[in-house]
Protein backbone atom coordinates (compact mmCIF):
# COMPACT_ATOMS: atom_id res chain seq x y z
CA MET A 1 88.53 157.83 39.30
CA LYS A 2 87.07 160.23 41.86
CA VAL A 3 85.31 158.59 44.77
CA ARG A 4 82.86 160.67 46.74
CA ILE A 5 81.93 159.56 50.21
CA LYS A 6 78.31 160.49 50.92
CA ILE A 7 77.46 161.59 54.43
CA TYR A 8 73.87 160.84 55.37
CA ARG A 9 71.87 160.28 58.52
CA VAL A 10 71.88 156.67 59.62
CA ASN A 11 69.25 154.89 61.66
CA LYS A 12 70.29 152.47 64.36
CA GLU A 13 68.10 149.82 65.96
CA LEU A 14 68.84 147.51 68.87
CA ILE A 15 66.92 144.23 68.62
CA ILE A 16 66.90 142.10 71.78
CA ARG A 17 65.84 138.45 71.88
CA SER A 18 65.45 136.69 75.22
CA SER A 19 65.33 132.98 76.00
CA SER A 20 65.59 130.95 79.21
CA GLU A 21 69.36 130.48 78.76
CA ALA A 22 70.64 133.66 77.10
CA VAL A 23 69.84 137.10 75.76
CA ASP A 24 70.93 138.00 72.21
CA PHE A 25 71.54 141.60 71.14
CA ALA A 26 71.66 142.65 67.49
CA LEU A 27 72.70 146.18 66.57
CA LEU A 28 71.42 147.23 63.14
CA LYS A 29 72.62 150.18 61.08
CA ASP A 30 70.13 151.04 58.34
CA GLY A 31 68.77 147.51 58.67
CA LYS A 32 72.21 145.88 58.34
CA LEU A 33 73.60 143.78 61.19
CA ILE A 34 76.82 145.37 62.54
CA GLU A 35 77.15 143.91 66.05
CA LEU A 36 75.94 140.71 67.68
CA HIS A 37 76.26 139.99 71.41
CA LYS A 38 75.15 137.13 73.61
CA GLU A 39 74.71 137.35 77.37
CA GLN A 40 74.52 133.95 79.05
CA GLU A 41 72.45 133.73 82.22
CA THR A 42 75.46 132.06 83.86
CA SER A 43 77.97 134.70 82.70
CA ASN A 44 79.69 135.99 85.85
CA PHE A 45 82.71 137.69 84.29
CA GLN A 46 81.67 140.62 82.14
CA VAL A 47 83.96 143.51 81.25
CA GLY A 48 83.50 146.13 83.97
CA ASP A 49 82.59 143.75 86.83
CA ILE A 50 84.47 144.43 90.08
CA PHE A 51 85.53 141.60 92.43
CA ILE A 52 86.98 141.44 95.90
CA ALA A 53 89.65 138.83 95.19
CA LYS A 54 92.59 137.02 96.75
CA ILE A 55 96.16 137.12 95.48
CA ARG A 56 97.13 133.52 94.73
CA LYS A 57 100.79 133.97 93.83
CA PRO A 58 102.99 136.88 92.66
CA VAL A 59 105.49 135.75 89.97
CA ALA A 60 108.65 137.85 89.85
CA GLY A 61 109.72 136.59 86.41
CA LEU A 62 106.45 137.78 84.81
CA ASN A 63 106.19 140.82 87.12
CA ALA A 64 102.58 139.77 87.52
CA ALA A 65 100.31 137.86 89.87
CA PHE A 66 97.73 135.13 89.51
CA VAL A 67 94.54 136.11 91.31
CA ASN A 68 91.64 133.96 92.52
CA VAL A 69 88.45 135.69 91.34
CA GLY A 70 86.28 132.58 91.56
CA PHE A 71 86.81 131.46 87.95
CA GLU A 72 88.09 127.95 87.17
CA LYS A 73 91.34 129.54 85.93
CA ASP A 74 93.15 132.23 87.92
CA ALA A 75 92.97 135.76 86.54
CA PHE A 76 96.17 137.45 85.36
CA LEU A 77 97.20 140.80 86.90
CA HIS A 78 100.29 142.51 85.47
CA TYR A 79 102.26 145.10 87.43
CA HIS A 80 101.35 147.81 84.90
CA ASP A 81 97.65 147.13 85.64
CA LEU A 82 98.00 147.77 89.37
CA GLY A 83 97.51 151.53 89.01
CA PRO A 84 99.66 154.17 90.72
CA ASN A 85 97.47 154.31 93.86
CA LEU A 86 97.35 150.61 94.68
CA ALA A 87 98.78 151.18 98.17
CA SER A 88 95.86 153.54 98.93
CA GLN A 89 93.36 150.99 97.61
CA LEU A 90 94.82 148.15 99.73
CA LYS A 91 94.74 150.35 102.84
CA PHE A 92 91.13 151.37 102.11
CA ILE A 93 89.97 147.74 101.68
CA LYS A 94 91.62 146.72 104.95
CA LEU A 95 89.99 149.55 106.92
CA VAL A 96 86.54 149.13 105.32
CA SER A 97 86.55 145.34 105.79
CA ALA A 98 87.46 145.85 109.46
CA GLY A 99 84.58 148.32 109.88
CA LYS A 100 86.93 151.22 110.67
CA ILE A 101 85.69 153.38 107.75
CA LYS A 102 82.00 154.25 107.46
CA ASP A 103 82.40 157.22 105.12
CA PHE A 104 83.18 155.92 101.63
CA SER A 105 83.48 159.35 99.97
CA LEU A 106 87.33 159.43 100.28
CA LYS A 107 87.26 163.13 101.23
CA ASN A 108 88.82 162.38 104.65
CA PHE A 109 90.84 159.36 103.56
CA GLN A 110 94.63 159.73 103.85
CA PHE A 111 96.24 158.60 100.60
CA GLU A 112 99.44 156.56 100.52
CA LYS A 113 102.46 157.31 98.32
CA GLU A 114 102.08 156.24 94.67
CA ILE A 115 103.89 153.03 93.74
CA ASP A 116 106.95 153.11 91.46
CA LYS A 117 105.83 152.71 87.83
CA ASP A 118 108.81 150.41 87.14
CA GLY A 119 108.76 148.49 90.42
CA SER A 120 108.48 144.79 91.21
CA ILE A 121 105.16 143.12 91.99
CA THR A 122 106.67 141.00 94.78
CA GLU A 123 107.47 144.20 96.71
CA ILE A 124 103.86 145.46 96.50
CA ILE A 125 101.52 142.50 97.06
CA ASN A 126 101.64 139.23 98.97
CA PRO A 127 99.94 135.81 98.69
CA ASN A 128 96.42 135.66 100.24
CA GLN A 129 96.13 139.45 100.25
CA SER A 130 92.66 140.89 99.49
CA ILE A 131 92.42 143.23 96.51
CA LEU A 132 89.72 144.92 94.45
CA VAL A 133 90.05 144.10 90.75
CA GLN A 134 88.03 144.83 87.63
CA VAL A 135 87.53 142.58 84.60
CA VAL A 136 89.07 144.20 81.50
CA LYS A 137 89.02 141.10 79.29
CA GLU A 138 86.55 138.25 79.61
CA PRO A 139 87.74 134.61 79.76
CA ILE A 140 88.70 133.52 76.24
CA SER A 141 89.41 129.91 75.26
CA THR A 142 91.57 128.35 78.00
CA LYS A 143 92.61 131.68 79.56
CA GLY A 144 91.10 133.20 82.68
CA PRO A 145 89.89 136.80 82.77
CA ARG A 146 92.38 139.68 82.40
CA ILE A 147 91.99 142.10 85.28
CA SER A 148 93.13 145.51 86.51
CA ALA A 149 93.41 146.96 90.02
CA GLU A 150 92.90 150.47 88.63
CA LEU A 151 89.14 150.69 89.03
CA SER A 152 86.71 152.77 86.96
CA LEU A 153 82.93 153.12 87.01
CA ALA A 154 81.47 154.02 83.61
CA GLY A 155 78.48 156.32 83.35
CA ARG A 156 76.68 157.81 80.38
CA PHE A 157 78.81 160.98 80.15
CA ILE A 158 81.70 160.40 82.53
CA VAL A 159 83.86 157.65 84.02
CA LEU A 160 84.60 157.82 87.74
CA VAL A 161 88.10 156.72 88.84
CA PRO A 162 88.47 156.10 92.61
CA PHE A 163 91.82 156.91 94.31
CA SER A 164 92.75 159.57 91.76
CA ASP A 165 92.43 163.34 91.32
CA ARG A 166 93.03 163.53 87.59
CA VAL A 167 90.51 165.01 85.13
CA SER A 168 90.88 164.07 81.46
CA ILE A 169 88.73 164.82 78.42
CA SER A 170 88.04 162.48 75.48
CA GLN A 171 90.46 163.14 72.61
CA LYS A 172 87.57 162.82 70.17
CA ILE A 173 86.22 166.17 71.42
CA GLU A 174 88.16 168.50 69.12
CA ASP A 175 86.75 171.91 70.09
CA LYS A 176 89.29 173.50 72.48
CA LYS A 177 86.72 175.83 74.11
CA GLU A 178 84.38 172.90 74.76
CA LYS A 179 87.26 170.90 76.27
CA GLU A 180 88.11 173.78 78.60
CA ARG A 181 84.43 174.23 79.56
CA LEU A 182 84.04 170.56 80.42
CA LYS A 183 87.27 170.48 82.39
CA ARG A 184 86.28 173.52 84.49
CA LEU A 185 82.79 172.11 85.03
CA VAL A 186 84.02 168.67 86.15
CA GLN A 187 86.71 170.08 88.43
CA ALA A 188 84.01 172.14 90.16
CA ILE A 189 81.67 169.22 90.84
CA LYS A 190 83.94 166.19 91.31
CA PRO A 191 84.46 164.91 94.88
CA LYS A 192 87.89 164.77 96.47
CA GLY A 193 89.73 161.47 96.02
CA PHE A 194 88.08 160.65 92.68
CA GLY A 195 89.35 161.24 89.16
CA VAL A 196 87.01 161.75 86.20
CA ILE A 197 87.29 160.88 82.52
CA VAL A 198 84.86 162.87 80.36
CA ARG A 199 83.39 160.77 77.53
CA THR A 200 82.81 161.97 73.96
CA VAL A 201 79.02 162.02 74.39
CA ALA A 202 79.41 164.68 77.12
CA GLU A 203 80.09 167.30 74.44
CA GLY A 204 77.54 170.11 74.79
CA LYS A 205 75.94 168.65 77.93
CA SER A 206 74.88 170.84 80.84
CA THR A 207 76.11 170.93 84.45
CA VAL A 208 72.86 169.31 85.61
CA GLU A 209 73.26 166.33 83.26
CA LEU A 210 76.89 165.71 84.23
CA GLU A 211 76.18 166.17 87.94
CA LYS A 212 73.33 163.65 87.80
CA ASP A 213 75.58 161.13 86.05
CA LEU A 214 78.31 161.71 88.65
CA GLN A 215 75.86 161.25 91.52
CA ASN A 216 74.66 157.92 90.09
CA LEU A 217 78.25 156.68 89.96
CA ILE A 218 78.98 157.82 93.53
CA GLU A 219 75.89 155.90 94.67
CA ARG A 220 77.14 152.76 92.89
CA TRP A 221 80.56 153.15 94.53
CA THR A 222 78.95 153.55 97.98
CA ALA A 223 76.72 150.50 97.46
CA MET A 224 79.80 148.45 96.52
CA CYS A 225 81.77 149.59 99.58
CA LYS A 226 78.90 148.63 101.89
CA LYS A 227 79.25 145.01 100.74
CA LEU A 228 82.97 144.72 101.57
CA PRO A 229 82.78 144.01 105.36
CA THR A 230 80.63 140.90 104.80
CA ALA A 231 81.70 139.88 101.28
CA HIS A 232 83.11 136.42 100.66
CA HIS A 233 86.62 136.48 99.16
CA PRO A 234 86.52 136.06 96.17
CA SER A 235 83.13 137.40 95.04
CA LYS A 236 81.59 139.98 92.73
CA VAL A 237 80.86 143.21 94.60
CA LEU A 238 79.80 145.39 91.68
CA GLY A 239 78.23 144.04 88.49
CA GLU A 240 78.11 145.82 85.17
CA LEU A 241 74.72 146.97 83.97
CA ASN A 242 72.76 144.31 82.10
CA ARG A 243 74.07 144.03 78.54
CA ALA A 244 71.14 145.95 77.04
CA SER A 245 71.78 148.95 79.29
CA SER A 246 75.56 148.82 78.82
CA ILE A 247 75.17 148.77 75.03
CA LEU A 248 72.80 151.73 75.19
CA ARG A 249 75.13 153.57 77.55
CA ASP A 250 78.10 153.13 75.20
CA VAL A 251 76.55 153.55 71.75
CA PHE A 252 73.22 155.34 72.18
CA ASN A 253 72.80 158.65 70.37
CA ASP A 254 70.20 160.62 68.42
CA THR A 255 70.50 158.31 65.40
CA PHE A 256 68.75 155.48 67.28
CA SER A 257 65.29 154.97 65.86
CA GLY A 258 64.19 151.90 67.79
CA VAL A 259 64.91 149.46 70.61
CA LEU A 260 62.74 146.35 70.25
CA ILE A 261 62.57 143.66 72.94
CA ASP A 262 60.60 140.41 73.11
CA ASP A 263 60.82 140.02 76.91
CA GLU A 264 58.55 142.17 79.11
CA GLU A 265 60.86 142.32 82.15
CA LEU A 266 63.86 143.31 80.04
CA TYR A 267 61.66 145.80 78.17
CA ASN A 268 60.73 147.51 81.45
CA GLN A 269 64.37 147.56 82.66
CA THR A 270 65.55 149.06 79.38
CA LYS A 271 62.81 151.67 79.31
CA ASP A 272 63.67 152.70 82.88
CA TYR A 273 67.35 153.03 81.96
CA LEU A 274 66.58 155.10 78.87
CA GLN A 275 64.34 157.29 81.04
CA GLU A 276 67.49 158.10 83.04
CA ILE A 277 69.88 158.80 80.18
CA ALA A 278 67.55 160.20 77.48
CA PRO A 279 63.97 160.81 78.70
CA SER A 280 62.85 162.28 75.38
CA LYS A 281 63.69 159.00 73.57
CA THR A 282 61.82 156.48 75.75
CA SER A 283 59.09 156.21 73.12
CA ILE A 284 61.48 154.33 70.79
CA VAL A 285 61.57 151.34 73.18
CA LYS A 286 58.94 148.86 72.00
CA PHE A 287 57.73 145.53 73.38
CA TYR A 288 57.61 142.98 70.54
CA GLN A 289 54.66 140.66 71.19
CA SER A 290 54.07 138.85 67.89
CA LYS A 291 53.77 135.08 68.34
CA ASP A 292 53.70 134.38 64.61
CA THR A 293 57.21 135.52 63.69
CA PRO A 294 60.21 135.43 66.09
CA ILE A 295 61.83 138.85 66.50
CA PHE A 296 65.14 137.93 64.82
CA GLU A 297 63.29 136.62 61.75
CA LYS A 298 61.02 139.66 61.61
CA TYR A 299 64.02 141.97 61.29
CA ASN A 300 65.94 139.70 58.90
CA ILE A 301 68.65 139.03 61.49
CA GLU A 302 68.66 135.22 61.25
CA ARG A 303 69.24 135.47 57.51
CA GLN A 304 72.06 137.98 57.97
CA ILE A 305 73.72 135.77 60.59
CA LYS A 306 73.64 132.79 58.21
CA THR A 307 75.12 134.81 55.34
CA SER A 308 77.68 136.83 57.31
CA PHE A 309 79.64 134.33 59.39
CA GLY A 310 80.93 131.87 56.84
CA LYS A 311 84.42 131.65 55.38
CA THR A 312 83.12 133.35 52.21
CA VAL A 313 81.20 136.63 52.53
CA SER A 314 79.35 137.87 49.45
CA MET A 315 79.16 141.59 48.68
CA SER A 316 77.42 143.62 45.98
CA LYS A 317 78.40 143.53 42.29
CA GLY A 318 79.62 139.91 42.59
CA ALA A 319 82.62 140.73 44.80
CA TYR A 320 83.33 138.64 47.88
CA LEU A 321 85.68 138.22 50.86
CA ILE A 322 87.53 135.12 52.01
CA ILE A 323 88.15 135.21 55.78
CA GLU A 324 90.74 132.81 57.20
CA HIS A 325 91.71 132.40 60.86
CA THR A 326 95.13 131.18 62.05
CA GLU A 327 96.53 130.83 65.55
CA ALA A 328 98.25 134.22 65.44
CA LEU A 329 96.23 136.35 63.02
CA HIS A 330 93.26 136.76 60.68
CA VAL A 331 93.67 137.07 56.92
CA ILE A 332 91.02 138.67 54.69
CA ASP A 333 91.30 138.34 50.93
CA VAL A 334 89.32 140.71 48.68
CA ASN A 335 88.07 139.22 45.39
CA SER A 336 86.34 140.99 42.50
CA GLY A 337 84.55 137.81 41.40
CA ASN A 338 83.60 136.72 37.88
CA ARG A 339 81.89 139.80 36.56
CA SER A 340 81.99 142.15 33.64
CA ASN A 341 82.56 145.67 34.90
CA LYS A 342 81.61 148.99 33.35
CA ALA A 343 84.72 150.64 34.79
CA SER A 344 87.08 151.81 32.04
CA ASN A 345 90.24 150.15 33.35
CA GLN A 346 91.62 147.71 35.88
CA GLU A 347 92.58 150.45 38.35
CA ASP A 348 89.01 151.78 38.48
CA THR A 349 87.64 148.25 38.92
CA ALA A 350 90.07 147.58 41.76
CA MET A 351 89.17 150.88 43.41
CA GLU A 352 85.44 150.21 43.20
CA VAL A 353 85.70 146.70 44.67
CA ASN A 354 88.14 147.80 47.38
CA MET A 355 85.78 150.54 48.57
CA ILE A 356 82.89 148.07 48.79
CA ALA A 357 85.18 145.64 50.63
CA ALA A 358 86.42 148.27 53.11
CA ALA A 359 82.88 148.99 54.30
CA GLU A 360 82.12 145.26 54.64
CA ILE A 361 85.42 144.53 56.44
CA ALA A 362 84.74 147.28 59.02
CA ARG A 363 81.35 145.63 59.61
CA GLN A 364 82.82 142.12 59.82
CA LEU A 365 85.43 143.10 62.42
CA ARG A 366 82.70 144.44 64.73
CA LEU A 367 80.24 141.67 63.93
CA ARG A 368 82.66 138.83 64.68
CA ASP A 369 84.60 140.89 67.26
CA MET A 370 87.85 139.85 65.61
CA GLY A 371 90.93 140.77 67.63
CA GLY A 372 94.70 140.68 67.38
CA ILE A 373 96.39 141.17 64.02
CA ILE A 374 94.24 141.37 60.89
CA VAL A 375 95.90 141.40 57.46
CA ILE A 376 93.75 142.50 54.51
CA ASP A 377 94.80 141.72 50.94
CA PHE A 378 93.02 144.38 48.91
CA ILE A 379 93.15 144.26 45.10
CA ASP A 380 96.38 145.89 43.90
CA MET A 381 96.19 149.56 42.95
CA SER A 382 99.12 151.37 41.35
CA ASN A 383 97.84 154.91 42.00
CA PRO A 384 99.08 156.19 45.42
CA GLU A 385 96.18 158.66 45.56
CA ASN A 386 93.68 155.80 45.29
CA ARG A 387 95.46 153.95 48.10
CA LYS A 388 95.14 157.05 50.30
CA VAL A 389 91.42 157.43 49.48
CA LEU A 390 90.89 153.76 50.42
CA PHE A 391 92.85 154.17 53.66
CA ASP A 392 90.87 157.28 54.68
CA PHE A 393 87.58 155.57 53.82
CA LEU A 394 88.47 152.46 55.89
CA ARG A 395 89.37 154.67 58.86
CA GLU A 396 86.07 156.52 58.53
CA GLU A 397 84.11 153.25 58.36
CA MET A 398 85.86 152.02 61.52
CA SER A 399 85.43 155.29 63.42
CA ASP A 400 82.30 153.94 65.19
CA ASP A 401 84.17 150.84 66.37
CA LYS A 402 84.49 151.10 70.16
CA ALA A 403 87.33 148.55 70.31
CA LYS A 404 90.80 150.11 70.34
CA HIS A 405 92.38 149.66 66.93
CA LYS A 406 95.23 150.90 64.76
CA ILE A 407 95.26 150.84 60.94
CA LEU A 408 98.45 151.01 58.89
CA PRO A 409 98.31 152.56 55.37
CA PRO A 410 98.17 150.14 52.39
CA SER A 411 101.47 148.88 51.07
CA LYS A 412 102.16 149.01 47.33
CA PHE A 413 101.00 145.39 47.21
CA GLY A 414 97.59 146.36 48.60
CA LEU A 415 98.14 144.87 52.08
CA VAL A 416 96.60 146.67 55.06
CA GLN A 417 97.45 145.68 58.63
CA ILE A 418 95.09 146.32 61.53
CA THR A 419 95.52 145.61 65.21
CA ARG A 420 92.25 145.46 67.13
CA GLN A 421 91.66 144.85 70.82
CA ARG A 422 89.24 142.12 71.76
CA VAL A 423 87.83 141.98 75.30
CA ARG A 424 85.29 139.19 74.78
CA PRO A 425 85.45 135.78 73.05
CA GLU A 426 85.16 136.10 69.28
CA VAL A 427 81.65 135.59 67.92
CA ASN A 428 81.89 132.29 66.07
CA ILE A 429 78.67 130.97 64.54
CA LYS A 430 78.45 127.74 62.59
CA THR A 431 76.88 128.45 59.20
CA ARG A 432 77.18 124.98 57.63
CA GLU A 433 74.42 122.44 58.13
CA GLU A 434 73.99 118.69 57.81
CA ASP A 435 73.65 117.54 54.20
CA PRO A 436 70.12 116.09 53.78
CA ASN A 437 71.43 113.91 50.92
CA ASN A 438 74.33 112.61 53.00
CA GLY A 439 73.96 112.42 56.78
CA ASN A 440 77.74 112.42 57.28
CA GLY A 441 78.45 115.52 55.21
CA GLU A 442 77.87 119.26 55.55
CA ILE A 443 76.60 121.90 53.15
CA GLU A 444 76.34 125.68 53.16
CA ALA A 445 73.23 126.96 54.91
CA PRO A 446 70.37 126.60 52.39
CA ILE A 447 69.23 130.15 53.12
CA GLN A 448 72.32 131.38 51.25
CA ILE A 449 71.38 129.76 47.93
CA ILE A 450 68.89 132.48 46.95
CA ASP A 451 71.52 135.18 47.51
CA LYS A 452 74.03 133.24 45.39
CA ILE A 453 71.55 132.70 42.57
CA ALA A 454 70.64 136.41 42.61
CA LEU A 455 74.31 137.46 42.42
CA ASP A 456 75.02 135.07 39.52
CA LEU A 457 71.86 136.24 37.74
CA GLU A 458 72.88 139.91 38.03
CA ASN A 459 76.16 139.17 36.26
CA ILE A 460 74.63 136.87 33.61
CA LEU A 461 71.90 139.29 32.56
CA LYS A 462 74.51 141.88 31.59
CA THR A 463 75.38 139.78 28.54
CA ASN A 464 72.45 137.36 28.12
CA ALA A 465 68.89 138.40 27.32
CA ASP A 466 67.28 134.97 27.64
CA VAL A 467 68.12 132.91 30.71
CA VAL A 468 66.76 129.57 31.94
CA LEU A 469 67.38 128.54 35.53
CA ASN A 470 67.34 124.84 36.46
CA VAL A 471 66.91 124.12 40.19
CA HIS A 472 65.61 121.55 42.67
CA PRO A 473 61.76 121.54 42.79
CA PHE A 474 61.67 122.90 46.38
CA VAL A 475 63.83 125.88 45.39
CA ALA A 476 61.81 126.41 42.19
CA ALA A 477 58.60 126.58 44.25
CA TYR A 478 60.20 129.06 46.67
CA LEU A 479 61.28 131.32 43.79
CA THR A 480 57.92 131.36 42.05
CA LYS A 481 55.33 131.26 44.87
CA GLY A 482 53.38 134.26 46.20
CA PHE A 483 53.05 137.79 44.91
CA PRO A 484 55.34 139.42 44.37
CA SER A 485 57.44 136.27 43.99
CA ILE A 486 61.25 136.43 44.02
CA ARG A 487 61.17 135.85 40.23
CA SER A 488 58.79 138.82 39.85
CA LYS A 489 61.18 140.99 41.85
CA TRP A 490 63.99 139.94 39.51
CA PHE A 491 61.85 141.04 36.56
CA PHE A 492 61.13 144.46 38.11
CA GLU A 493 64.83 144.92 38.86
CA HIS A 494 66.39 143.69 35.60
CA LYS A 495 63.46 144.07 33.12
CA LYS A 496 64.10 140.50 31.95
CA TRP A 497 62.03 137.38 32.63
CA VAL A 498 63.80 134.29 33.96
CA LYS A 499 62.34 130.92 33.04
CA ILE A 500 62.62 128.45 35.95
CA ILE A 501 62.57 124.69 35.40
CA PRO A 502 62.33 122.30 38.39
CA ARG A 503 64.70 119.31 38.11
CA ASP A 504 63.96 116.21 40.20
CA ALA A 505 67.48 114.84 39.76
CA TYR A 506 69.18 117.88 41.35
CA THR A 507 70.38 117.98 44.95
CA TYR A 508 68.86 120.69 47.16
CA LEU A 509 71.53 123.32 46.52
CA GLU A 510 72.33 122.48 42.92
CA TYR A 511 71.46 124.95 40.18
CA HIS A 512 72.55 125.75 36.60
CA PHE A 513 71.90 128.62 34.20
CA TYR A 514 71.36 127.99 30.46
CA ASP A 515 71.03 130.35 27.51
CA LYS A 516 68.32 130.06 24.83
CA LYS A 517 70.51 127.60 22.87
CA LYS A 518 70.61 125.36 25.96
CA ASN A 519 74.30 126.02 26.55
CA VAL A 520 75.41 126.06 30.20
CA ILE A 521 76.28 129.59 31.36
CA ILE A 522 77.31 128.80 34.95
CA GLU A 523 78.00 125.29 36.19
């Protein structure tokens, strides 16, 4: 079975919903939800935030220190996260805080000797010492934030690294001439005492664009340093951009077709930011003002949330995933479902389902922000070539995933292992609701029933011409009301009419299919 992977232009939309307590961000790819973020108004520890903090206690046995950053739990700072130029940073903080340095450019600052990469933390830092640290992993569960003393300020095209002179280029830029051009360009414009990491999106950009980005980052660094003499220890001295701007900074490209926001202040902030990074695209930012339909319902996001976060995730052609979480890892089981398949043999069926599953799994990992070890049990395939095609396809589907990840090739049993970094708490949304027939029980979200009925119907109509659907009266009314009704859409799609009979005795989510002889097709 030859599988061709079509390459086509995708459209991305960022839908932003604001409330008094939080801001929700939904990233859509061709209308399908691929990322979901929530920014709480009280969230003080975002990835990228920089704090002036106090060392609580170095621990020789862990070669790490616990640091007071103002969170209820101390942050964890390992020796390997100190950075080679920590001694220079500590000296700089001391002099700036004492008012002895007014020029924050580092061009006249005398650097200290780099610390030993295999040294001991107790020889480098002391209790109650002030230190600048950056959040690299937000507080998760009972753990405090993970931090680093090797600071970096992320821009649109480059990342500025204080107390360094190194220039490095993104490995995803493959053209050698372009790499050399960018390296020469950055070395010519970067200030002394700062290193620069060139991001993938800098490919093909001009000197003017990179210089403007660099200047913005230098201004942010200077503004942060000005706070140090009067800053309370611990406190945040440099905050990340608001989540909307940081998402746009990290993922925005020419495939974006729309940014829609239901809050006027956030709309103006986002438009101003896009004016800085991509002036020609500001017209795609729209203020959503409809009072009739909430923005997440208008773009079908609420429905996708309900159907995407449960233990069972339905896919096309009747296939589905079972996602289980344990303390140490996540397990995803791929199932072909009860369906007749036109594929000529079991290998082709397995290949078809596995390819559908690979695309959905790549989406689920980003959507739920699943981290750690993920084990996927694909349907067994005996052909090594098919296993390679599946592996390459999964890697391609995950290529847009910004989280660091590693994928191991499928074993002969169909198992694929993935490690994926998670820097924020996993997105965990409750999809079950209170049972209206039993106040103490729970049922699947009612919104999912239509999708389940449609999937069952697709499989049944392959072998049955006449089908009768028995459902609760409320569901029957929903399926038959309006024009075009859902039943009419089924007719246009399958060219077969489905008779629907309301049954008063059924519970809300109960349904059964019968053939023309009144035999039950699906219980």
